[in-house]
Amino acid sequence: MNATKVLLQIGILSLALFAADVLAEVSAAEAKHLGANLTPMGAERAGNADGSIPPWTPMAKTAAPVDDRGFLGNPYANEKPLFVITAQNVEQYKARLTPGQMALFKRYPDSYRMPVYTSHRGATVPEEVFAAIRRNATQTTLVSDGNGLQDFSSAVPFPLPHNGLEVIWNHITRYRGGSIKRSIIQAMPQQNGSFSPVSLQEQLVFRDRMKDFDPANPGNVLFYFKQEVTAPARLAGSVLLVHETLDQVAEPREAWLYNAGQRRVRRAPQAAYDAPGTAADGLRTSDNLDMFNGAPDRYDWQLVGKQELYIPENSYALDSPSLKYADILQAGHINQDLARYELRRVWHVVATLKPGQRHVYAKRDFYFDEDTWQAAIIDHYDGRGQLWRVAEAHAENYYNNQVPWYAFEVLYDLQAGRYVALGLKNEEARGYQFGVPASTSEFTPAALRQEGVR
């Protein structure tokens, strides 16, 4: 095994790292590493031995100018790639690439490329979120065979993970600003590159950011999510409402769909797992949204360890409002000349479908950025064991709001020769809106019926 695959946090993990049934919180002594040799989020504060991965240095809220529509300036606009990986030289870099990335070079040898830049580790969150993470470290435990959380606060329950389930819960619960509204598009280019964008209005609010949240009675809801299709006309007016739960085994996700044509609200229990994603031509599943979402109960989760990989990071160029969607969306894959990859440490977790469970993905290889707990790359395998789809999240730090998230995410279908890009906002009227006030009454089936207008 390559040495980079065993870069585990010193003094934190033991042989129990590989035991999926370890459900206990960490000790107070272990938690003292947070904010010391580890960042408050649980990443290694130091860089790597040769300096190609730098120490963690929190990004300033004024890292670059933000325009009056909320679009971020690029703090690294003047930087040039250190080198570019192509199909011709990919073999010399394969130790730091996933099988899915290697497959993309093979599938598109004449056009797929990865510009690699100097690494900058600036992702940070507000201090109150760091404080919640410190509390979680010694208090939060897994329940329901690892499919739910107990004594959880705000974000990232397991900054010092002992198993794969704890890592995936860090991704599911990670900080995304607490309360967000966004106007985005989803596009599914044909093999020739032509596309018809689907416009979406989304709102995501975590329970502790609701105006009527009661800390003494937090309930089982993790967050509320609402998604309305606003274009094209044949799809416009459909609205999906989701109540995401902390323990989806004890109390499954609740979902409702407003059908504009029928003008009625109905329950949508199918809006989970491998059900087709909204208006995506069958190119993604419901749980592909946000790279992965929902209950982890259908998989066994093995924590392999840490390694160094080239992953998309600081993707401000791709998020520029000066770009048109046609500048980004091309045949086969996005315009890789606009992409930015950096060398980072990632957690590698393998999810294998449990015996007797059903899902179109029999196995998923997850690679999570250590600084944010966000999934950066996911390789998806079908029931025959063949690599099928490759997901890449082009991440950036919304530094003015201290929110690590994605510029957008891409899911490549290697067999169909197509892909779905979700979350682009370059041509929209404004960027993400954080801190939008909301109450639970806005996320009820009755409210959904009132809002659903074709």
Protein backbone atom coordinates (compact mmCIF):
# COMPACT_ATOMS: atom_id res chain seq x y z
CA MET A 1 0.00 0.00 0.00
CA ASN A 2 1.23 3.49 -0.84
CA ALA A 3 2.51 5.30 2.26
CA THR A 4 0.11 8.17 1.69
CA LYS A 5 -2.78 5.81 2.41
CA VAL A 6 -1.85 5.38 6.05
CA LEU A 7 -1.61 9.01 7.18
CA LEU A 8 -3.87 8.57 10.21
CA GLN A 9 -4.20 11.14 12.94
CA ILE A 10 -1.46 10.53 15.48
CA GLY A 11 -2.68 9.63 18.94
CA ILE A 12 -6.34 9.68 17.93
CA LEU A 13 -7.15 6.41 16.24
CA SER A 14 -6.36 2.85 17.26
CA LEU A 15 -7.10 -0.59 15.89
CA ALA A 16 -10.72 0.19 16.68
CA LEU A 17 -10.61 2.50 13.67
CA PHE A 18 -11.57 -0.40 11.45
CA ALA A 19 -14.39 -1.76 13.61
CA ALA A 20 -17.74 -0.55 12.30
CA ASP A 21 -19.50 -1.40 15.56
CA VAL A 22 -17.59 1.14 17.69
CA LEU A 23 -20.33 3.57 18.73
CA ALA A 24 -18.91 5.35 21.78
CA GLU A 25 -17.89 8.99 22.00
CA VAL A 26 -14.22 9.87 22.43
CA SER A 27 -12.55 10.64 25.75
CA ALA A 28 -11.89 14.12 27.08
CA ALA A 29 -8.16 13.48 26.67
CA GLU A 30 -8.60 12.71 22.97
CA ALA A 31 -10.83 15.76 22.50
CA LYS A 32 -8.01 18.02 23.72
CA HIS A 33 -6.33 17.49 20.37
CA LEU A 34 -9.05 19.66 18.77
CA GLY A 35 -7.67 23.15 18.34
CA ALA A 36 -4.16 21.93 19.20
CA ASN A 37 -2.37 19.57 16.80
CA LEU A 38 -5.75 19.15 15.10
CA THR A 39 -7.97 21.92 13.77
CA PRO A 40 -11.24 22.57 15.64
CA MET A 41 -12.90 20.53 12.87
CA GLY A 42 -10.62 17.51 13.43
CA ALA A 43 -8.18 17.82 10.52
CA GLU A 44 -4.42 17.67 10.93
CA ARG A 45 -3.35 21.27 11.49
CA ALA A 46 0.15 20.73 10.07
CA GLY A 47 1.02 20.34 6.43
CA ASN A 48 2.65 17.26 4.97
CA ALA A 49 6.34 16.39 5.03
CA ASP A 50 7.36 17.98 1.72
CA GLY A 51 5.18 21.08 2.10
CA SER A 52 2.93 20.33 -0.88
CA ILE A 53 0.02 20.38 1.57
CA PRO A 54 0.30 23.50 3.75
CA PRO A 55 -0.76 24.00 7.37
CA TRP A 56 -4.36 25.02 7.99
CA THR A 57 -4.70 28.82 7.89
CA PRO A 58 -8.29 30.08 8.33
CA MET A 59 -9.48 32.28 5.49
CA ALA A 60 -10.38 35.89 6.25
CA LYS A 61 -13.97 36.99 5.69
CA THR A 62 -12.51 39.71 3.46
CA ALA A 63 -10.33 37.37 1.38
CA ALA A 64 -11.57 38.99 -1.84
CA PRO A 65 -14.25 41.50 -2.89
CA VAL A 66 -17.87 40.28 -2.98
CA ASP A 67 -20.15 42.03 -5.46
CA ASP A 68 -23.53 43.54 -4.61
CA ARG A 69 -25.30 40.39 -5.84
CA GLY A 70 -23.36 38.18 -3.45
CA PHE A 71 -20.95 36.64 -5.96
CA LEU A 72 -17.50 35.92 -4.57
CA GLY A 73 -14.26 37.30 -5.89
CA ASN A 74 -11.44 34.85 -6.55
CA PRO A 75 -8.65 35.22 -3.94
CA TYR A 76 -6.32 33.17 -6.15
CA ALA A 77 -7.13 34.70 -9.53
CA ASN A 78 -3.47 35.43 -10.32
CA GLU A 79 -2.21 31.91 -9.71
CA LYS A 80 -1.18 29.60 -12.55
CA PRO A 81 -1.27 25.78 -12.51
CA LEU A 82 1.79 24.04 -11.12
CA PHE A 83 1.21 21.39 -13.78
CA VAL A 84 -1.62 19.85 -15.79
CA ILE A 85 -2.46 16.14 -15.72
CA THR A 86 -3.50 14.74 -19.10
CA ALA A 87 -4.07 11.29 -20.56
CA GLN A 88 -0.48 11.41 -21.78
CA ASN A 89 1.14 11.86 -18.34
CA VAL A 90 -1.55 10.49 -16.02
CA GLU A 91 0.41 7.35 -15.12
CA GLN A 92 2.98 9.34 -13.17
CA TYR A 93 0.23 10.83 -10.97
CA LYS A 94 -2.08 7.81 -10.53
CA ALA A 95 -1.03 7.21 -6.90
CA ARG A 96 -2.84 10.45 -6.06
CA LEU A 97 -5.92 9.87 -8.21
CA THR A 98 -9.03 7.77 -7.61
CA PRO A 99 -10.06 4.93 -9.95
CA GLY A 100 -12.91 7.16 -11.10
CA GLN A 101 -10.57 9.98 -12.05
CA MET A 102 -8.35 7.53 -13.92
CA ALA A 103 -11.45 6.27 -15.75
CA LEU A 104 -12.33 9.79 -16.87
CA PHE A 105 -8.92 10.15 -18.50
CA LYS A 106 -9.49 6.84 -20.27
CA ARG A 107 -13.04 7.75 -21.34
CA TYR A 108 -12.06 11.19 -22.66
CA PRO A 109 -8.34 10.95 -23.52
CA ASP A 110 -8.31 13.91 -25.90
CA SER A 111 -10.09 16.47 -23.73
CA TYR A 112 -10.12 15.55 -20.05
CA ARG A 113 -7.40 17.31 -18.03
CA MET A 114 -6.74 18.33 -14.44
CA PRO A 115 -4.95 21.63 -13.76
CA VAL A 116 -3.22 21.29 -10.37
CA TYR A 117 -2.59 24.44 -8.35
CA THR A 118 -0.87 25.42 -5.11
CA SER A 119 -2.91 24.13 -2.16
CA HIS A 120 -4.63 26.57 0.19
CA ARG A 121 -6.35 25.25 3.32
CA GLY A 122 -8.58 28.11 4.40
CA ALA A 123 -11.95 26.50 5.14
CA THR A 124 -13.41 27.65 8.44
CA VAL A 125 -16.77 28.07 10.21
CA PRO A 126 -18.04 30.47 12.90
CA GLU A 127 -16.69 30.01 16.42
CA GLU A 128 -20.06 28.91 17.77
CA VAL A 129 -20.01 26.00 15.32
CA PHE A 130 -16.51 25.02 16.46
CA ALA A 131 -17.81 25.12 20.04
CA ALA A 132 -20.68 22.78 19.10
CA ILE A 133 -18.23 20.40 17.45
CA ARG A 134 -16.12 20.30 20.61
CA ARG A 135 -19.22 19.40 22.64
CA ASN A 136 -20.19 16.73 20.14
CA ALA A 137 -16.77 15.08 20.35
CA THR A 138 -17.35 13.84 23.90
CA GLN A 139 -21.15 13.63 23.95
CA THR A 140 -22.60 12.45 20.63
CA THR A 141 -23.11 8.73 20.07
CA LEU A 142 -24.53 6.60 17.29
CA VAL A 143 -27.85 4.87 17.91
CA SER A 144 -30.09 2.48 15.94
CA ASP A 145 -27.12 0.39 14.77
CA GLY A 146 -25.33 3.53 13.68
CA ASN A 147 -28.19 5.01 11.70
CA GLY A 148 -29.05 7.84 14.07
CA LEU A 149 -27.46 10.33 16.47
CA GLN A 150 -27.94 11.01 20.16
CA ASP A 151 -26.87 14.14 22.08
CA PHE A 152 -26.02 15.97 18.87
CA SER A 153 -25.54 19.73 18.51
CA SER A 154 -25.49 21.78 15.31
CA ALA A 155 -22.82 20.17 13.08
CA VAL A 156 -20.13 17.46 12.75
CA PRO A 157 -20.84 14.95 15.53
CA PHE A 158 -17.56 13.01 15.24
CA PRO A 159 -14.53 15.24 14.61
CA LEU A 160 -12.35 12.32 15.80
CA PRO A 161 -13.98 9.43 13.91
CA HIS A 162 -13.48 5.78 14.81
CA ASN A 163 -15.37 4.21 11.89
CA GLY A 164 -16.90 4.85 8.49
CA LEU A 165 -20.39 5.53 9.81
CA GLU A 166 -19.08 8.39 11.90
CA VAL A 167 -17.37 9.90 8.87
CA ILE A 168 -20.50 9.78 6.71
CA TRP A 169 -22.50 11.39 9.52
CA ASN A 170 -19.96 14.23 9.55
CA HIS A 171 -20.73 14.83 5.88
CA ILE A 172 -24.50 14.60 6.34
CA THR A 173 -24.57 17.04 9.26
CA ARG A 174 -21.73 19.39 8.27
CA TYR A 175 -22.21 23.15 8.54
CA ARG A 176 -23.78 24.77 5.47
CA GLY A 177 -24.63 28.15 6.86
CA GLY A 178 -27.61 27.05 8.91
CA SER A 179 -30.25 28.70 6.72
CA ILE A 180 -29.83 29.10 2.96
CA LYS A 181 -31.79 30.15 -0.11
CA ARG A 182 -30.40 29.64 -3.56
CA SER A 183 -31.38 29.86 -7.24
CA ILE A 184 -29.46 27.28 -9.25
CA ILE A 185 -29.62 25.23 -12.40
CA GLN A 186 -29.24 21.56 -13.15
CA ALA A 187 -28.08 20.51 -16.60
CA MET A 188 -27.71 17.14 -18.30
CA PRO A 189 -25.71 17.73 -21.51
CA GLN A 190 -26.22 15.33 -24.38
CA GLN A 191 -23.21 13.54 -25.84
CA ASN A 192 -22.78 16.42 -28.30
CA GLY A 193 -22.76 18.97 -25.47
CA SER A 194 -26.20 20.50 -26.05
CA PHE A 195 -28.27 21.07 -22.91
CA SER A 196 -31.53 22.53 -21.62
CA PRO A 197 -31.11 23.88 -18.09
CA VAL A 198 -33.58 23.09 -15.33
CA SER A 199 -34.01 26.04 -12.96
CA LEU A 200 -34.46 25.30 -9.27
CA GLN A 201 -35.31 27.44 -6.25
CA GLU A 202 -34.10 25.76 -3.07
CA GLN A 203 -34.26 26.50 0.62
CA LEU A 204 -32.40 24.54 3.29
CA VAL A 205 -32.83 25.28 6.99
CA PHE A 206 -31.30 23.30 9.85
CA ARG A 207 -33.51 22.85 12.89
CA ASP A 208 -31.44 24.99 15.26
CA ARG A 209 -31.77 27.97 12.87
CA MET A 210 -35.57 27.96 12.89
CA LYS A 211 -37.08 30.99 14.62
CA ASP A 212 -39.32 28.66 16.65
CA PHE A 213 -36.67 26.06 17.54
CA ASP A 214 -36.93 24.83 21.14
CA PRO A 215 -33.57 23.52 22.45
CA ALA A 216 -35.39 21.74 25.28
CA ASN A 217 -37.44 19.78 22.72
CA PRO A 218 -35.29 19.52 19.62
CA GLY A 219 -37.21 16.62 18.08
CA ASN A 220 -35.87 14.27 15.43
CA VAL A 221 -35.74 16.64 12.44
CA LEU A 222 -32.23 17.52 11.26
CA PHE A 223 -33.19 20.01 8.56
CA TYR A 224 -36.02 21.17 6.29
CA PHE A 225 -35.55 21.27 2.52
CA LYS A 226 -37.76 22.74 -0.18
CA GLN A 227 -37.08 22.57 -3.92
CA GLU A 228 -39.24 24.18 -6.62
CA VAL A 229 -38.75 23.71 -10.35
CA THR A 230 -39.22 27.09 -12.06
CA ALA A 231 -38.18 26.20 -15.65
CA PRO A 232 -38.65 24.79 -18.23
CA ALA A 233 -42.40 25.47 -18.49
CA ARG A 234 -43.33 21.78 -18.77
CA LEU A 235 -41.82 21.13 -15.33
CA ALA A 236 -42.40 24.46 -13.64
CA GLY A 237 -44.42 24.60 -10.44
CA SER A 238 -43.52 21.19 -9.03
CA VAL A 239 -42.32 21.51 -5.45
CA LEU A 240 -40.60 18.94 -3.23
CA LEU A 241 -40.64 19.28 0.56
CA VAL A 242 -38.42 17.15 2.80
CA HIS A 243 -38.17 16.81 6.57
CA GLU A 244 -34.79 15.12 7.05
CA THR A 245 -34.54 13.19 10.31
CA LEU A 246 -31.58 12.43 12.53
CA ASP A 247 -32.67 8.80 13.00
CA GLN A 248 -34.25 7.70 9.72
CA VAL A 249 -34.64 4.12 10.86
CA ALA A 250 -36.75 5.01 13.87
CA GLU A 251 -38.53 7.79 11.97
CA PRO A 252 -37.97 7.78 8.20
CA ARG A 253 -37.54 10.94 6.16
CA GLU A 254 -40.87 12.61 5.44
CA ALA A 255 -41.38 14.02 1.95
CA TRP A 256 -44.21 15.60 0.00
CA LEU A 257 -44.56 16.61 -3.63
CA TYR A 258 -46.80 19.34 -5.03
CA ASN A 259 -47.85 18.42 -8.55
CA ALA A 260 -48.59 21.59 -10.51
CA GLY A 261 -50.68 19.80 -13.11
CA GLN A 262 -52.95 18.16 -10.54
CA ARG A 263 -52.72 21.03 -8.06
CA ARG A 264 -52.43 18.64 -5.17
CA VAL A 265 -49.94 17.65 -2.51
CA ARG A 266 -49.13 13.99 -2.00
CA ARG A 267 -46.62 12.13 0.09
CA ALA A 268 -43.42 11.17 -1.69
CA PRO A 269 -41.83 8.27 0.20
CA GLN A 270 -39.91 7.46 -2.97
CA ALA A 271 -37.82 10.64 -2.63
CA ALA A 272 -34.90 8.76 -1.08
CA TYR A 273 -32.17 6.21 -1.75
CA ASP A 274 -31.95 5.23 -5.43
CA ALA A 275 -35.19 6.80 -6.63
CA PRO A 276 -34.57 9.04 -9.66
CA GLY A 277 -33.44 12.56 -8.78
CA THR A 278 -35.63 15.54 -9.70
CA ALA A 279 -35.74 16.25 -13.45
CA ALA A 280 -32.35 14.64 -14.08
CA ASP A 281 -33.02 12.35 -17.07
CA GLY A 282 -32.31 9.35 -14.84
CA LEU A 283 -28.67 10.42 -14.52
CA ARG A 284 -28.67 10.66 -10.72
CA THR A 285 -30.44 9.13 -7.76
CA SER A 286 -32.16 11.00 -4.93
CA ASP A 287 -29.25 10.27 -2.61
CA ASN A 288 -26.73 11.67 -5.12
CA LEU A 289 -27.85 15.20 -4.21
CA ASP A 290 -25.19 16.99 -2.14
CA MET A 291 -22.90 14.12 -3.22
CA PHE A 292 -24.68 11.89 -0.65
CA ASN A 293 -27.70 12.45 1.54
CA GLY A 294 -30.18 10.44 3.56
CA ALA A 295 -30.10 7.34 5.72
CA PRO A 296 -26.88 5.27 5.67
CA ASP A 297 -28.66 2.06 6.73
CA ARG A 298 -28.42 0.13 3.42
CA TYR A 299 -24.61 0.03 3.41
CA ASP A 300 -21.75 -1.29 5.48
CA TRP A 301 -19.22 1.52 5.95
CA GLN A 302 -15.53 0.68 6.15
CA LEU A 303 -13.04 3.38 7.13
CA VAL A 304 -9.91 2.65 5.10
CA GLY A 305 -7.84 5.58 6.39
CA LYS A 306 -6.31 8.74 5.03
CA GLN A 307 -4.45 9.44 1.82
CA GLU A 308 -3.30 12.36 -0.29
CA LEU A 309 -5.30 13.04 -3.46
CA TYR A 310 -5.80 15.72 -6.07
CA ILE A 311 -9.35 16.96 -5.50
CA PRO A 312 -11.33 20.00 -6.73
CA GLU A 313 -10.85 22.90 -4.31
CA ASN A 314 -11.10 26.70 -4.26
CA SER A 315 -13.22 26.55 -7.42
CA TYR A 316 -13.89 30.28 -7.64
CA ALA A 317 -13.10 30.47 -11.36
CA LEU A 318 -15.92 28.03 -12.13
CA ASP A 319 -18.32 30.09 -10.03
CA SER A 320 -17.61 33.42 -11.70
CA PRO A 321 -20.68 35.45 -12.79
CA SER A 322 -18.71 36.48 -15.87
CA LEU A 323 -19.18 32.98 -17.26
CA LYS A 324 -22.15 31.66 -19.19
CA TYR A 325 -23.36 28.13 -18.58
CA ALA A 326 -22.26 27.27 -22.11
CA ASP A 327 -18.70 28.22 -21.12
CA ILE A 328 -18.74 25.48 -18.49
CA LEU A 329 -20.95 22.71 -19.88
CA GLN A 330 -19.31 20.83 -22.73
CA ALA A 331 -19.55 17.43 -24.38
CA GLY A 332 -18.56 14.57 -22.08
CA HIS A 333 -17.44 16.68 -19.13
CA ILE A 334 -17.29 20.24 -17.87
CA ASN A 335 -14.68 22.68 -19.17
CA GLN A 336 -11.70 21.37 -17.23
CA ASP A 337 -9.60 24.40 -18.14
CA LEU A 338 -11.72 26.32 -15.62
CA ALA A 339 -11.35 23.67 -12.91
CA ARG A 340 -8.85 23.84 -10.06
CA TYR A 341 -7.39 20.81 -8.27
CA GLU A 342 -5.21 20.84 -5.18
CA LEU A 343 -3.36 18.18 -3.24
CA ARG A 344 -5.29 17.43 -0.05
CA ARG A 345 -5.56 14.82 2.66
CA VAL A 346 -8.81 12.91 2.43
CA TRP A 347 -10.60 10.25 4.43
CA HIS A 348 -11.31 7.15 2.33
CA VAL A 349 -14.52 5.26 3.19
CA VAL A 350 -15.92 2.28 1.29
CA ALA A 351 -19.69 1.72 1.38
CA THR A 352 -20.78 -1.81 0.42
CA LEU A 353 -24.43 -2.74 -0.01
CA LYS A 354 -25.62 -4.97 2.83
CA PRO A 355 -26.91 -8.47 2.01
CA GLY A 356 -30.64 -8.33 1.35
CA GLN A 357 -30.68 -4.57 0.73
CA ARG A 358 -31.47 -2.96 -2.61
CA HIS A 359 -29.75 -0.07 -4.35
CA VAL A 360 -28.53 0.55 -7.90
CA TYR A 361 -25.06 1.27 -6.48
CA ALA A 362 -23.61 -1.94 -5.04
CA LYS A 363 -20.51 -0.12 -3.81
CA ARG A 364 -19.38 3.47 -3.36
CA ASP A 365 -15.88 4.72 -2.68
CA PHE A 366 -16.02 8.03 -0.79
CA TYR A 367 -13.19 10.53 -0.43
CA PHE A 368 -13.87 13.27 2.14
CA ASP A 369 -11.84 16.46 2.46
CA GLU A 370 -10.31 16.41 5.96
CA ASP A 371 -10.80 20.15 6.49
CA THR A 372 -14.56 20.24 5.87
CA TRP A 373 -15.88 16.63 6.02
CA GLN A 374 -17.40 17.27 2.60
CA ALA A 375 -17.41 14.46 0.08
CA ALA A 376 -15.00 15.56 -2.64
CA ILE A 377 -15.09 12.52 -4.94
CA ILE A 378 -17.29 9.42 -4.98
CA ASP A 379 -16.78 6.43 -7.27
CA HIS A 380 -20.01 4.44 -7.84
CA TYR A 381 -20.08 0.76 -8.84
CA ASP A 382 -23.01 -1.18 -10.27
CA GLY A 383 -24.23 -4.67 -9.31
CA ARG A 384 -21.70 -6.29 -11.63
CA GLY A 385 -18.84 -4.58 -9.82
CA GLN A 386 -18.14 -2.23 -12.73
CA LEU A 387 -17.32 1.43 -12.21
CA TRP A 388 -20.43 3.28 -13.37
CA ARG A 389 -20.52 6.87 -12.18
CA VAL A 390 -17.96 9.32 -10.84
CA ALA A 391 -18.99 12.31 -8.71
CA GLU A 392 -16.81 15.38 -8.22
CA ALA A 393 -17.68 18.33 -5.99
CA HIS A 394 -16.07 21.58 -7.05
CA ALA A 395 -15.73 23.11 -3.62
CA GLU A 396 -15.12 26.66 -2.48
CA ASN A 397 -15.24 28.57 0.77
CA TYR A 398 -18.02 31.16 1.02
CA TYR A 399 -15.52 33.12 3.06
CA ASN A 400 -17.71 36.15 3.74
CA ASN A 401 -20.14 33.85 5.59
CA GLN A 402 -17.57 31.27 6.79
CA VAL A 403 -19.31 28.42 4.99
CA PRO A 404 -17.38 25.63 3.22
CA TRP A 405 -19.61 24.23 0.48
CA TYR A 406 -19.71 23.55 -3.25
CA ALA A 407 -19.71 25.84 -6.26
CA PHE A 408 -21.52 22.92 -7.92
CA GLU A 409 -21.31 19.16 -8.17
CA VAL A 410 -20.95 16.89 -11.21
CA LEU A 411 -21.90 13.24 -11.65
CA TYR A 412 -20.34 11.56 -14.69
CA ASP A 413 -21.99 8.47 -16.19
CA LEU A 414 -19.12 6.58 -17.80
CA GLN A 415 -21.43 4.13 -19.54
CA ALA A 416 -23.85 6.68 -21.04
CA GLY A 417 -21.17 9.24 -21.90
CA ARG A 418 -23.27 11.95 -20.23
CA TYR A 419 -23.27 13.80 -16.93
CA VAL A 420 -25.43 15.91 -14.66
CA ALA A 421 -24.18 19.19 -13.22
CA LEU A 422 -26.12 20.51 -10.25
CA GLY A 423 -25.83 23.83 -8.44
CA LEU A 424 -24.54 26.24 -11.08
CA LYS A 425 -25.55 29.87 -10.50
CA ASN A 426 -23.29 31.91 -12.81
CA GLU A 427 -26.17 33.44 -14.78
CA GLU A 428 -28.58 33.78 -11.87
CA ALA A 429 -29.67 37.12 -10.42
CA ARG A 430 -27.74 36.64 -7.20
CA GLY A 431 -25.51 34.27 -5.25
CA TYR A 432 -26.46 32.20 -2.22
CA GLN A 433 -28.38 33.93 0.55
CA PHE A 434 -27.30 32.82 4.03
CA GLY A 435 -29.03 33.48 7.32
CA VAL A 436 -32.55 33.76 5.84
CA PRO A 437 -35.11 33.73 8.71
CA ALA A 438 -37.56 30.82 8.64
CA SER A 439 -40.05 28.99 10.85
CA THR A 440 -41.43 25.46 10.77
CA SER A 441 -44.83 26.71 9.56
CA GLU A 442 -43.20 27.49 6.19
CA PHE A 443 -42.25 23.83 5.74
CA THR A 444 -45.60 22.10 6.09
CA PRO A 445 -47.72 20.34 3.43
CA ALA A 446 -50.29 23.15 3.78
CA ALA A 447 -47.65 25.77 3.04
CA LEU A 448 -46.47 23.68 0.10
CA ARG A 449 -49.97 23.73 -1.37
CA GLN A 450 -50.16 27.49 -1.05
CA GLU A 451 -46.79 28.05 -2.70
CA GLY A 452 -47.21 25.63 -5.59
CA VAL A 453 -48.20 27.80 -8.51
CA ARG A 454 -47.55 26.81 -12.09
